[in-house]
């Protein structure tokens, strides 16, 4: 009666703990994959600027970033179901060096690749279950690092490159790229605002003692880079090339720093959750062991019991606590041992019994 419900309860608790551990491990894999995508997005932005400037060769940072993502996908691609998507993106990256034509064609080719990179971010978030994390701080952090931050970098890069193309291009180029430039500017403001809101929400809802201080510096540096690049782009006027070049360099450094901060904090929070689940597992095992021990004890005790103890007087030894009654009383009489001695009898005519009779 005890073991059956206890076993059912233990199985339910253990299954829940096991499911949470598996989910948390997948989320950690997702964080690891996302951390490898940040250098790729930054390198793609650099490659786009170089291509629009007339440089055909891909920058060395792009090759290193591709190798980094390829190594992570080789280990985690099957579990996160990203292998096919990464293979397609990698092929598109290889073809970027072969793109020729006017700036519009070059820009569109790079924009297609960066869109695929953003789609890979979304696939990692979905397949690793980061997007469904139950804790508010991790939920906001994953939204910031895997959606808002890369989107901001991509749009900032497009805004800067389009500003220069619109300013230096002919009438046809301006007509084609000016609307995209305006859209990029609006998207930058929106993405940076959402990034700030999500990071602030994560700080408000977290139990981490290091998250707030680390994020403040990283976010401030990133926002300053965005503001500098926006000023350099000079919407409606001639862009300042020197200001934009400095801002883009600052943005790449800020992106790497901020992305590293967020992914490290997410890893710490997920490790804390795993530690808590390990504690719950130990408590569940201890409770199950205690239930089994109690049942075993209850089953063993009746088998080892002696029942009622029966007192058997020792032959020749009279009862210690019984009053033997008057001297010479017949032990066979019903009142033997129960009659009180007649101390101080008031009958003066009664003769004392002889010693022989006593």
Protein backbone atom coordinates (compact mmCIF):
# COMPACT_ATOMS: atom_id res chain seq x y z
CA UNK A 1 0.00 0.00 0.00
CA UNK A 2 2.94 2.31 0.54
CA UNK A 3 5.29 1.17 -2.19
CA UNK A 4 2.86 1.39 -5.12
CA UNK A 5 1.86 5.08 -4.76
CA UNK A 6 5.42 5.96 -3.71
CA UNK A 7 6.77 4.30 -6.85
CA UNK A 8 4.25 6.14 -9.04
CA UNK A 9 5.16 9.48 -7.44
CA UNK A 10 8.88 8.80 -7.77
CA UNK A 11 8.52 7.85 -11.45
CA UNK A 12 6.60 11.07 -12.15
CA UNK A 13 9.11 13.28 -10.33
CA UNK A 14 12.09 11.52 -11.88
CA UNK A 15 10.61 11.82 -15.36
CA UNK A 16 10.04 15.54 -14.89
CA UNK A 17 13.59 16.07 -13.66
CA UNK A 18 14.98 14.04 -16.56
CA UNK A 19 12.97 16.02 -19.12
CA UNK A 20 14.13 19.33 -17.65
CA UNK A 21 17.75 18.19 -17.70
CA UNK A 22 17.53 17.15 -21.35
CA UNK A 23 15.88 20.45 -22.27
CA UNK A 24 18.52 22.46 -20.41
CA UNK A 25 21.33 20.54 -22.08
CA UNK A 26 19.84 21.31 -25.49
CA UNK A 27 19.61 24.96 -24.58
CA UNK A 28 23.29 24.96 -23.64
CA UNK A 29 24.05 23.50 -27.05
CA UNK A 30 22.02 26.29 -28.60
CA UNK A 31 23.98 28.92 -26.68
CA UNK A 32 27.23 27.36 -27.87
CA UNK A 33 26.05 27.43 -31.47
CA UNK A 34 24.84 31.03 -31.20
CA UNK A 35 28.20 32.13 -29.79
CA UNK A 36 29.85 30.90 -33.00
CA UNK A 37 27.42 32.84 -35.20
CA UNK A 38 28.30 36.29 -33.81
CA UNK A 39 31.75 36.37 -35.49
CA UNK A 40 30.12 35.18 -38.72
CA UNK A 41 27.62 38.05 -38.80
CA UNK A 42 30.38 40.55 -38.09
CA UNK A 43 32.58 39.05 -40.81
CA UNK A 44 29.71 39.10 -43.33
CA UNK A 45 29.21 42.80 -42.61
CA UNK A 46 32.92 43.41 -43.24
CA UNK A 47 32.82 41.35 -46.45
CA UNK A 48 29.84 43.36 -47.71
CA UNK A 49 31.63 46.66 -47.16
CA UNK A 50 34.76 45.34 -48.86
CA UNK A 51 32.83 44.06 -51.88
CA UNK A 52 30.99 47.36 -52.34
CA UNK A 53 34.34 49.11 -52.16
CA UNK A 54 35.55 46.98 -55.06
CA UNK A 55 37.62 44.40 -53.16
CA UNK A 56 36.93 40.96 -54.64
CA UNK A 57 38.78 38.82 -52.10
CA UNK A 58 36.90 37.87 -48.93
CA UNK A 59 38.44 39.16 -45.69
CA UNK A 60 40.36 36.73 -43.51
CA UNK A 61 37.85 37.19 -40.72
CA UNK A 62 35.17 35.59 -42.87
CA UNK A 63 37.20 32.44 -43.46
CA UNK A 64 37.93 32.09 -39.74
CA UNK A 65 34.28 32.65 -38.83
CA UNK A 66 33.08 30.07 -41.37
CA UNK A 67 35.53 27.52 -40.00
CA UNK A 68 34.31 28.21 -36.47
CA UNK A 69 30.65 27.66 -37.33
CA UNK A 70 31.49 24.58 -39.40
CA UNK A 71 33.27 23.01 -36.41
CA UNK A 72 30.32 23.66 -34.09
CA UNK A 73 27.81 22.40 -36.66
CA UNK A 74 29.86 19.25 -37.11
CA UNK A 75 29.34 18.45 -33.43
CA UNK A 76 25.84 19.82 -32.84
CA UNK A 77 24.23 20.05 -36.27
CA UNK A 78 22.49 16.68 -36.09
CA UNK A 79 21.05 17.26 -32.61
CA UNK A 80 19.92 20.81 -33.40
CA UNK A 81 18.80 19.93 -36.94
CA UNK A 82 20.84 22.74 -38.50
CA UNK A 83 23.06 20.74 -40.83
CA UNK A 84 21.06 21.34 -44.01
CA UNK A 85 20.51 25.03 -43.33
CA UNK A 86 24.19 25.62 -42.53
CA UNK A 87 25.29 23.74 -45.64
CA UNK A 88 23.13 25.99 -47.82
CA UNK A 89 24.43 29.13 -46.11
CA UNK A 90 28.04 27.99 -46.46
CA UNK A 91 27.57 27.43 -50.18
CA UNK A 92 26.14 30.93 -50.59
CA UNK A 93 29.12 32.39 -48.72
CA UNK A 94 31.52 30.60 -51.06
CA UNK A 95 29.76 32.15 -54.05
CA UNK A 96 30.03 35.73 -52.78
CA UNK A 97 33.48 36.16 -54.30
CA UNK A 98 32.08 35.33 -57.73
CA UNK A 99 29.39 37.99 -57.66
CA UNK A 100 29.96 40.69 -60.27
CA UNK A 101 27.98 43.58 -61.62
CA UNK A 102 26.84 46.94 -60.36
CA UNK A 103 26.69 47.86 -56.65
CA UNK A 104 23.02 47.00 -56.53
CA UNK A 105 23.68 43.38 -57.57
CA UNK A 106 26.58 43.07 -55.15
CA UNK A 107 24.53 44.48 -52.30
CA UNK A 108 21.59 42.18 -52.99
CA UNK A 109 23.84 39.11 -53.05
CA UNK A 110 25.31 39.97 -49.66
CA UNK A 111 21.90 40.87 -48.25
CA UNK A 112 20.63 37.42 -49.24
CA UNK A 113 23.48 35.74 -47.40
CA UNK A 114 23.01 37.79 -44.23
CA UNK A 115 19.28 37.01 -44.31
CA UNK A 116 20.19 33.30 -44.39
CA UNK A 117 22.50 33.83 -41.43
CA UNK A 118 19.67 35.45 -39.47
CA UNK A 119 17.43 32.52 -40.41
CA UNK A 120 20.07 30.16 -39.01
CA UNK A 121 19.89 32.07 -35.72
CA UNK A 122 16.14 31.46 -35.65
CA UNK A 123 16.57 27.75 -36.41
CA UNK A 124 19.03 27.35 -33.53
CA UNK A 125 16.68 29.16 -31.14
CA UNK A 126 13.73 26.99 -32.14
CA UNK A 127 15.47 23.62 -32.28
CA UNK A 128 17.39 24.12 -29.02
CA UNK A 129 14.17 25.28 -27.27
CA UNK A 130 15.83 28.52 -26.16
CA UNK A 131 12.87 30.41 -27.55
CA UNK A 132 10.61 28.52 -25.09
CA UNK A 133 12.74 28.86 -21.96
CA UNK A 134 10.51 29.20 -18.87
CA UNK A 135 12.75 31.69 -17.02
CA UNK A 136 12.27 35.35 -17.85
CA UNK A 137 15.93 36.32 -17.69
CA UNK A 138 17.09 33.59 -20.08
CA UNK A 139 14.10 34.23 -22.35
CA UNK A 140 14.98 37.92 -22.69
CA UNK A 141 18.69 37.21 -23.08
CA UNK A 142 18.19 34.71 -25.89
CA UNK A 143 15.91 37.17 -27.67
CA UNK A 144 18.55 39.86 -27.34
CA UNK A 145 21.60 37.84 -28.39
CA UNK A 146 19.99 35.69 -31.10
CA UNK A 147 17.48 38.12 -32.64
CA UNK A 148 17.91 41.79 -31.69
CA UNK A 149 21.70 41.92 -31.66
CA UNK A 150 22.42 40.22 -35.02
CA UNK A 151 19.54 42.11 -36.62
CA UNK A 152 21.01 45.37 -35.34
CA UNK A 153 24.45 44.52 -36.71
CA UNK A 154 23.09 43.56 -40.11
CA UNK A 155 20.94 46.67 -40.42
CA UNK A 156 23.70 48.98 -39.19
CA UNK A 157 26.06 47.48 -41.76
CA UNK A 158 23.50 47.92 -44.53
CA UNK A 159 22.77 51.47 -43.45
CA UNK A 160 26.43 52.43 -43.60
CA UNK A 161 27.11 50.77 -46.95
CA UNK A 162 23.93 52.10 -48.53
CA UNK A 163 24.71 55.61 -47.35
CA UNK A 164 27.94 55.60 -49.30
CA UNK A 165 26.38 54.02 -52.38
CA UNK A 166 23.51 56.50 -52.44
CA UNK A 167 25.89 59.43 -51.99
CA UNK A 168 28.33 58.33 -54.72
CA UNK A 169 26.03 56.51 -57.14
CA UNK A 170 24.33 57.71 -60.25
CA UNK A 171 20.65 58.55 -60.50
CA UNK A 172 19.66 54.95 -61.22
CA UNK A 173 21.62 53.61 -58.26
CA UNK A 174 20.17 56.25 -55.95
CA UNK A 175 16.66 55.44 -57.07
CA UNK A 176 17.18 51.76 -56.36
CA UNK A 177 19.07 51.99 -53.08
CA UNK A 178 17.62 55.10 -51.42
CA UNK A 179 14.42 53.33 -50.23
CA UNK A 180 16.50 50.49 -48.80
CA UNK A 181 18.73 52.99 -47.03
CA UNK A 182 15.74 54.65 -45.38
CA UNK A 183 14.33 51.27 -44.36
CA UNK A 184 17.70 50.27 -42.89
CA UNK A 185 17.83 53.43 -40.78
CA UNK A 186 14.38 52.76 -39.35
CA UNK A 187 15.23 49.11 -38.73
CA UNK A 188 18.41 50.07 -36.90
CA UNK A 189 16.51 52.29 -34.48
CA UNK A 190 13.88 49.61 -33.92
CA UNK A 191 16.40 46.79 -33.40
CA UNK A 192 18.57 48.78 -30.99
CA UNK A 193 15.48 49.80 -29.00
CA UNK A 194 14.28 46.19 -28.75
CA UNK A 195 17.77 45.05 -27.79
CA UNK A 196 17.89 47.59 -24.97
CA UNK A 197 14.41 46.66 -23.73
CA UNK A 198 15.16 42.93 -23.66
CA UNK A 199 18.47 43.36 -21.87
CA UNK A 200 16.83 45.66 -19.31
CA UNK A 201 14.03 43.14 -18.78
CA UNK A 202 16.62 40.40 -18.27
CA UNK A 203 18.40 42.48 -15.64
CA UNK A 204 15.11 43.23 -13.86
CA UNK A 205 14.07 39.56 -13.70
CA UNK A 206 17.37 37.79 -13.06
CA UNK A 207 18.89 36.38 -9.92
CA UNK A 208 22.41 36.77 -11.30
CA UNK A 209 24.59 39.19 -9.36
CA UNK A 210 26.92 39.84 -12.31
CA UNK A 211 24.48 40.33 -15.18
CA UNK A 212 23.61 43.97 -14.56
CA UNK A 213 27.13 45.35 -14.26
CA UNK A 214 28.47 43.39 -17.21
CA UNK A 215 25.64 44.33 -19.55
CA UNK A 216 25.70 48.04 -18.81
CA UNK A 217 29.21 48.57 -20.17
CA UNK A 218 28.74 46.29 -23.16
CA UNK A 219 25.42 47.81 -24.16
CA UNK A 220 26.65 51.38 -23.75
CA UNK A 221 29.62 50.70 -26.02
CA UNK A 222 27.38 49.11 -28.64
CA UNK A 223 24.89 51.97 -28.58
CA UNK A 224 27.67 54.55 -28.93
CA UNK A 225 28.94 52.70 -32.00
CA UNK A 226 25.47 52.69 -33.55
CA UNK A 227 25.01 56.39 -32.84
CA UNK A 228 28.41 57.21 -34.37
CA UNK A 229 27.62 55.23 -37.50
CA UNK A 230 24.21 56.88 -37.81
CA UNK A 231 25.79 60.32 -37.59
CA UNK A 232 28.39 59.31 -40.16
CA UNK A 233 25.70 58.01 -42.52
CA UNK A 234 24.10 61.47 -42.41
CA UNK A 235 20.62 60.62 -43.64
CA UNK A 236 19.68 63.14 -46.34
CA UNK A 237 23.20 64.43 -46.83
CA UNK A 238 26.73 63.36 -47.74
CA UNK A 239 28.09 60.59 -45.48
CA UNK A 240 31.28 61.05 -43.49
CA UNK A 241 33.46 58.13 -44.57
CA UNK A 242 36.05 58.50 -41.83
CA UNK A 243 33.42 58.62 -39.08
CA UNK A 244 31.66 55.57 -40.50
CA UNK A 245 34.88 53.56 -40.76
CA UNK A 246 35.71 54.27 -37.11
CA UNK A 247 32.15 53.48 -36.04
CA UNK A 248 32.12 50.17 -37.92
CA UNK A 249 35.35 49.09 -36.24
CA UNK A 250 33.92 50.04 -32.86
CA UNK A 251 30.71 48.16 -33.62
CA UNK A 252 32.56 44.95 -34.45
CA UNK A 253 34.41 45.11 -31.15
CA UNK A 254 31.22 45.95 -29.25
CA UNK A 255 29.34 43.14 -30.96
CA UNK A 256 31.95 40.59 -29.97
CA UNK A 257 32.06 41.89 -26.39
CA UNK A 258 28.30 42.15 -25.87
CA UNK A 259 27.58 38.80 -27.48
CA UNK A 260 30.23 37.18 -25.30
CA UNK A 261 28.78 38.72 -22.15
CA UNK A 262 25.24 37.57 -22.89
CA UNK A 263 26.20 34.02 -23.90
CA UNK A 264 28.40 33.61 -20.81
CA UNK A 265 25.61 34.80 -18.54
CA UNK A 266 23.16 32.42 -20.20
CA UNK A 267 25.58 29.55 -19.72
CA UNK A 268 25.96 30.37 -16.03
CA UNK A 269 22.19 30.54 -15.53
CA UNK A 270 21.69 27.21 -17.31
CA UNK A 271 24.46 25.61 -15.25
CA UNK A 272 22.75 26.85 -12.08
CA UNK A 273 19.54 25.22 -13.27
CA UNK A 274 21.35 21.92 -13.85
CA UNK A 275 22.79 22.10 -10.33
CA UNK A 276 19.31 22.66 -8.93
CA UNK A 277 17.97 19.69 -10.90
CA UNK A 278 20.80 17.52 -9.57
CA UNK A 279 19.77 18.49 -6.04
CA UNK A 280 16.15 17.62 -6.81
CA UNK A 281 17.28 14.23 -8.15
CA UNK A 282 19.21 13.51 -4.95
CA UNK A 283 16.19 14.44 -2.84
CA UNK A 284 13.94 12.20 -4.93
CA UNK A 285 16.34 9.26 -4.60
CA UNK A 286 16.66 9.82 -0.85
CA UNK A 287 12.87 9.93 -0.46
CA UNK A 288 12.47 6.73 -2.45
CA UNK A 289 15.14 4.99 -0.37
CA UNK A 290 13.45 6.14 2.83
CA UNK A 291 10.08 4.77 1.66
CA UNK A 292 11.63 1.39 0.80
CA UNK A 293 13.41 1.28 4.17
CA UNK A 294 10.21 2.03 6.09
CA UNK A 295 8.29 -0.66 4.24
CA UNK A 296 11.08 -3.19 4.77
CA UNK A 297 11.15 -2.35 8.49
CA UNK A 298 7.37 -2.74 8.77
CA UNK A 299 7.57 -6.17 7.10
CA UNK A 300 10.45 -7.46 9.24
CA UNK A 301 9.16 -6.44 12.70
CA UNK A 302 6.13 -8.84 12.84
CA UNK A 303 8.38 -11.75 11.91
CA UNK A 304 10.83 -11.06 14.73
CA UNK A 305 8.24 -10.23 17.52
CA UNK A 306 7.89 -12.52 20.70
CA UNK A 307 4.16 -11.98 21.36
CA UNK A 308 2.77 -11.79 24.94
CA UNK A 309 5.10 -12.76 27.72
CA UNK A 310 3.58 -15.19 30.29
CA UNK A 311 4.92 -15.04 33.83
CA UNK A 312 5.70 -18.44 35.29
CA UNK A 313 6.43 -18.39 39.02
CA UNK A 314 9.48 -20.20 40.24
CA UNK A 315 8.51 -23.36 42.21
CA UNK A 316 8.69 -22.81 45.91
CA UNK A 317 8.73 -19.03 45.65
CA UNK A 318 5.65 -17.22 46.95
CA UNK A 319 4.25 -14.10 45.36
CA UNK A 320 6.07 -11.01 46.44
CA UNK A 321 3.29 -8.49 46.16
CA UNK A 322 0.36 -10.50 47.58
CA UNK A 323 -0.67 -10.21 51.21
CA UNK A 324 -0.53 -13.72 52.67
CA UNK A 325 -3.27 -12.86 55.09
CA UNK A 326 -3.35 -13.89 58.75
CA UNK A 327 -0.79 -16.34 59.88
CA UNK A 328 -2.06 -19.87 59.55
CA UNK A 329 -4.66 -19.04 56.93
CA UNK A 330 -5.58 -21.90 54.72
CA UNK A 331 -4.12 -21.18 51.29
CA UNK A 332 -6.98 -23.08 49.72
CA UNK A 333 -9.62 -20.73 51.10
CA UNK A 334 -11.08 -18.19 48.71
CA UNK A 335 -10.14 -15.28 50.88
CA UNK A 336 -6.59 -16.45 51.49
CA UNK A 337 -4.21 -13.62 50.75
CA UNK A 338 -7.05 -11.07 50.82
CA UNK A 339 -8.03 -10.81 54.47
CA UNK A 340 -6.58 -7.96 56.37
CA UNK A 341 -4.92 -8.80 59.68
CA UNK A 342 -7.08 -8.06 62.69
CA UNK A 343 -4.97 -5.47 64.41
CA UNK A 344 -6.36 -4.24 67.69
CA UNK A 345 -9.46 -6.47 67.94
CA UNK A 346 -11.95 -5.16 70.52
CA UNK A 347 -13.36 -8.53 71.73
CA UNK A 348 -11.83 -8.92 75.22
CA UNK A 349 -13.30 -12.41 75.79
CA UNK A 350 -11.58 -13.89 72.77
CA UNK A 351 -8.75 -16.10 73.90
CA UNK A 352 -5.43 -16.01 72.19
CA UNK A 353 -4.64 -19.06 70.19
CA UNK A 354 -1.89 -21.26 71.49
CA UNK A 355 1.46 -21.22 69.88
CA UNK A 356 0.93 -24.77 68.73
CA UNK A 357 -2.16 -23.86 66.84
CA UNK A 358 -0.38 -20.91 65.31
